[in-house]
Amino acid sequence: MRVTIYDKHPGSGIGQWFLKVSWAVGCWLQKLFGMVDAYHGASSWDDASAWLAAQPGKFSSIQYWGHGSPGDVWLDSRNPVLTRFDALKGQVNADTVIWFRTCSTFQGLRGHAFSEDLSNRLGCTIAGHTRIIGLLQGGLHTRKPGTLPSWPVSEGEFPKSWLPAWAQIGNNTVFCLTTRIPKGW
């Protein structure tokens, strides 16, 4: 089963409302074109966990669309403790990919540690980005259990002057509606 979850409450303000709507429309398009089997707008980690637990069978892929920061994923402005993901152990296997389509989750030492801890904890591939993402999502990498990260700790860090959005794309860039990770990433 292939699923996508998005953050139904990413924050306040018109920009966050547009972001939530774009995630909802993106999930709807993925479902419409047969890229995922189901999707859900989650209002909390408990809601996301309950929805995932109610899905039949094993997952081949789980995408999460929301906010992130180095080593963290956010839902309703809350960051989960890694043990929250333990509930997925019975629904994933070595071929499952959990893809955090969140900004900067794999960036820096915290990103390296998060990817290692979660891939080893669940025994599946974890994917994430080292950069700020949008329609074009750069810095995509994967981490399998027991492997070293394939990207440098410094990837995704910004120089002192803020770069324009087009310059943040960088390596390993995919379009936002892509549902498969290219081989080797």
Protein backbone atom coordinates (compact mmCIF):
# COMPACT_ATOMS: atom_id res chain seq x y z
CA MET A 1 0.00 0.00 0.00
CA ARG A 2 1.24 3.49 -0.93
CA VAL A 3 0.03 6.39 1.22
CA THR A 4 0.64 10.10 1.76
CA ILE A 5 -0.06 12.07 4.92
CA TYR A 6 0.02 15.85 5.06
CA ASP A 7 -0.09 18.35 7.91
CA LYS A 8 -3.62 19.76 8.09
CA HIS A 9 -2.53 22.51 10.53
CA PRO A 10 0.90 23.74 9.38
CA GLY A 11 0.62 27.12 11.08
CA SER A 12 -1.26 30.39 11.01
CA GLY A 13 -1.43 33.01 8.30
CA ILE A 14 -2.41 33.09 4.66
CA GLY A 15 0.90 31.59 3.50
CA GLN A 16 0.38 28.52 5.67
CA TRP A 17 -3.22 28.21 4.47
CA PHE A 18 -2.01 28.17 0.84
CA LEU A 19 0.62 25.59 1.77
CA LYS A 20 -2.02 23.34 3.38
CA VAL A 21 -4.25 23.68 0.30
CA SER A 22 -1.35 22.87 -2.03
CA TRP A 23 -0.57 19.73 0.01
CA ALA A 24 -4.24 18.66 -0.09
CA VAL A 25 -4.48 19.26 -3.85
CA GLY A 26 -1.15 17.48 -4.42
CA CYS A 27 -2.39 14.43 -2.49
CA TRP A 28 -5.66 14.46 -4.41
CA LEU A 29 -3.71 14.56 -7.71
CA GLN A 30 -1.48 11.69 -6.59
CA LYS A 31 -4.58 9.61 -5.83
CA LEU A 32 -6.33 10.67 -9.06
CA PHE A 33 -3.38 9.55 -11.18
CA GLY A 34 -2.88 6.28 -9.26
CA MET A 35 0.40 7.32 -7.64
CA VAL A 36 -0.86 6.51 -4.14
CA ASP A 37 -3.62 4.29 -2.81
CA ALA A 38 -4.78 6.64 -0.04
CA TYR A 39 -3.98 9.96 1.61
CA HIS A 40 -4.91 11.74 4.82
CA GLY A 41 -4.74 15.26 6.20
CA ALA A 42 -3.61 14.71 9.79
CA SER A 43 -4.29 17.14 12.60
CA SER A 44 -1.81 15.57 15.06
CA TRP A 45 0.72 12.75 15.40
CA ASP A 46 -1.95 10.71 17.20
CA ASP A 47 -4.32 11.24 14.26
CA ALA A 48 -1.61 10.25 11.75
CA SER A 49 -0.69 7.14 13.78
CA ALA A 50 -4.32 6.03 14.11
CA TRP A 51 -4.96 6.51 10.39
CA LEU A 52 -1.83 4.54 9.45
CA ALA A 53 -2.74 1.74 11.88
CA ALA A 54 -6.19 1.47 10.26
CA GLN A 55 -4.74 0.88 6.77
CA PRO A 56 -4.78 -2.75 5.59
CA GLY A 57 -1.61 -4.72 4.94
CA LYS A 58 2.00 -3.61 4.67
CA PHE A 59 3.15 -0.29 3.31
CA SER A 60 5.40 -0.12 0.26
CA SER A 61 5.69 3.65 0.72
CA ILE A 62 4.65 6.33 3.17
CA GLN A 63 5.13 9.98 2.25
CA TYR A 64 4.78 12.73 4.80
CA TRP A 65 4.29 16.32 3.59
CA GLY A 66 4.85 18.97 6.23
CA HIS A 67 7.40 21.26 7.81
CA GLY A 68 10.83 20.14 8.92
CA SER A 69 14.12 21.32 10.33
CA PRO A 70 17.47 19.53 10.74
CA GLY A 71 16.70 16.17 12.36
CA ASP A 72 13.01 16.99 12.89
CA VAL A 73 9.62 16.58 11.24
CA TRP A 74 6.68 18.70 12.37
CA LEU A 75 2.94 18.09 12.44
CA ASP A 76 0.64 20.73 13.94
CA SER A 77 3.82 22.49 15.15
CA ARG A 78 4.85 19.42 17.16
CA ASN A 79 7.90 17.23 16.72
CA PRO A 80 7.49 13.53 17.56
CA VAL A 81 9.77 11.46 19.72
CA LEU A 82 11.30 8.72 17.55
CA THR A 83 9.56 6.01 19.58
CA ARG A 84 6.24 7.29 18.15
CA PHE A 85 7.22 5.60 14.88
CA ASP A 86 7.54 2.18 16.60
CA ALA A 87 3.85 1.57 15.91
CA LEU A 88 4.75 1.20 12.21
CA LYS A 89 7.06 -1.79 12.77
CA GLY A 90 4.34 -4.33 11.97
CA GLN A 91 3.30 -2.48 8.82
CA VAL A 92 6.71 -1.95 7.18
CA ASN A 93 9.37 -4.29 5.84
CA ALA A 94 12.85 -3.96 4.33
CA ASP A 95 11.37 -2.80 0.99
CA THR A 96 9.29 0.02 2.50
CA VAL A 97 10.33 3.63 1.88
CA ILE A 98 9.27 6.35 4.32
CA TRP A 99 9.81 9.69 2.60
CA PHE A 100 9.76 12.89 4.65
CA ARG A 101 8.95 15.60 2.11
CA THR A 102 9.89 18.25 4.61
CA CYS A 103 12.50 20.98 4.50
CA SER A 104 15.98 20.19 5.81
CA THR A 105 15.12 17.05 7.84
CA PHE A 106 18.33 15.28 6.66
CA GLN A 107 20.53 18.37 7.06
CA GLY A 108 23.54 18.46 9.36
CA LEU A 109 24.54 16.15 12.20
CA ARG A 110 20.95 16.08 13.48
CA GLY A 111 19.74 14.99 10.03
CA HIS A 112 22.37 12.25 9.89
CA ALA A 113 21.36 11.01 13.37
CA PHE A 114 17.62 11.13 12.60
CA SER A 115 18.03 9.14 9.37
CA GLU A 116 20.23 6.55 11.10
CA ASP A 117 18.02 6.15 14.16
CA LEU A 118 14.77 5.82 12.22
CA SER A 119 16.08 3.53 9.47
CA ASN A 120 17.62 1.20 12.06
CA ARG A 121 14.57 1.40 14.35
CA LEU A 122 12.11 0.44 11.59
CA GLY A 123 14.38 -1.68 9.40
CA CYS A 124 13.40 0.16 6.20
CA THR A 125 14.62 2.92 3.92
CA ILE A 126 14.13 6.49 5.11
CA ALA A 127 14.23 9.37 2.62
CA GLY A 128 14.49 13.08 3.28
CA HIS A 129 15.80 16.42 2.08
CA THR A 130 18.79 18.49 3.14
CA ARG A 131 17.43 21.69 1.62
CA ILE A 132 14.43 24.01 1.66
CA ILE A 133 11.88 22.45 -0.69
CA GLY A 134 8.92 23.61 -2.74
CA LEU A 135 7.70 22.67 -6.23
CA LEU A 136 11.26 21.59 -6.95
CA GLN A 137 12.60 19.57 -4.04
CA GLY A 138 16.38 19.44 -3.80
CA GLY A 139 18.80 17.59 -1.59
CA LEU A 140 16.90 14.28 -1.63
CA HIS A 141 18.72 11.32 -0.09
CA THR A 142 17.89 7.87 1.25
CA ARG A 143 19.27 5.89 4.17
CA LYS A 144 18.97 2.14 4.58
CA PRO A 145 19.45 0.39 7.93
CA GLY A 146 23.09 -0.12 8.88
CA THR A 147 24.50 2.23 6.22
CA LEU A 148 26.46 5.45 6.40
CA PRO A 149 24.96 8.67 5.02
CA SER A 150 25.85 9.34 1.38
CA TRP A 151 25.72 13.14 1.76
CA PRO A 152 28.03 15.55 3.58
CA VAL A 153 27.00 17.10 6.90
CA SER A 154 27.30 20.56 5.35
CA GLU A 155 24.86 19.91 2.50
CA GLY A 156 21.94 22.29 2.61
CA GLU A 157 23.54 24.85 4.91
CA PHE A 158 23.20 28.42 3.76
CA PRO A 159 26.02 30.91 3.49
CA LYS A 160 25.69 34.10 5.53
CA SER A 161 23.78 35.78 2.70
CA TRP A 162 20.38 34.22 2.06
CA LEU A 163 20.19 32.52 -1.34
CA PRO A 164 17.24 33.09 -3.68
CA ALA A 165 14.86 30.12 -3.98
CA TRP A 166 16.14 29.09 -7.44
CA ALA A 167 19.67 28.71 -6.03
CA GLN A 168 18.55 26.44 -3.18
CA ILE A 169 17.54 23.54 -5.40
CA GLY A 170 20.97 21.93 -5.57
CA ASN A 171 21.55 18.25 -6.12
CA ASN A 172 19.07 15.37 -6.26
CA THR A 173 16.09 17.50 -7.24
CA VAL A 174 12.65 16.03 -7.95
CA PHE A 175 9.30 17.63 -8.82
CA CYS A 176 6.77 17.80 -5.98
CA LEU A 177 4.36 15.24 -7.50
CA THR A 178 7.09 12.65 -8.12
CA THR A 179 6.25 9.55 -6.08
CA ARG A 180 9.29 7.39 -6.79
CA ILE A 181 12.79 8.13 -5.66
CA PRO A 182 15.33 7.78 -8.48
CA LYS A 183 17.72 4.88 -7.98
CA GLY A 184 20.96 5.79 -6.25
CA TRP A 185 19.54 8.61 -4.13
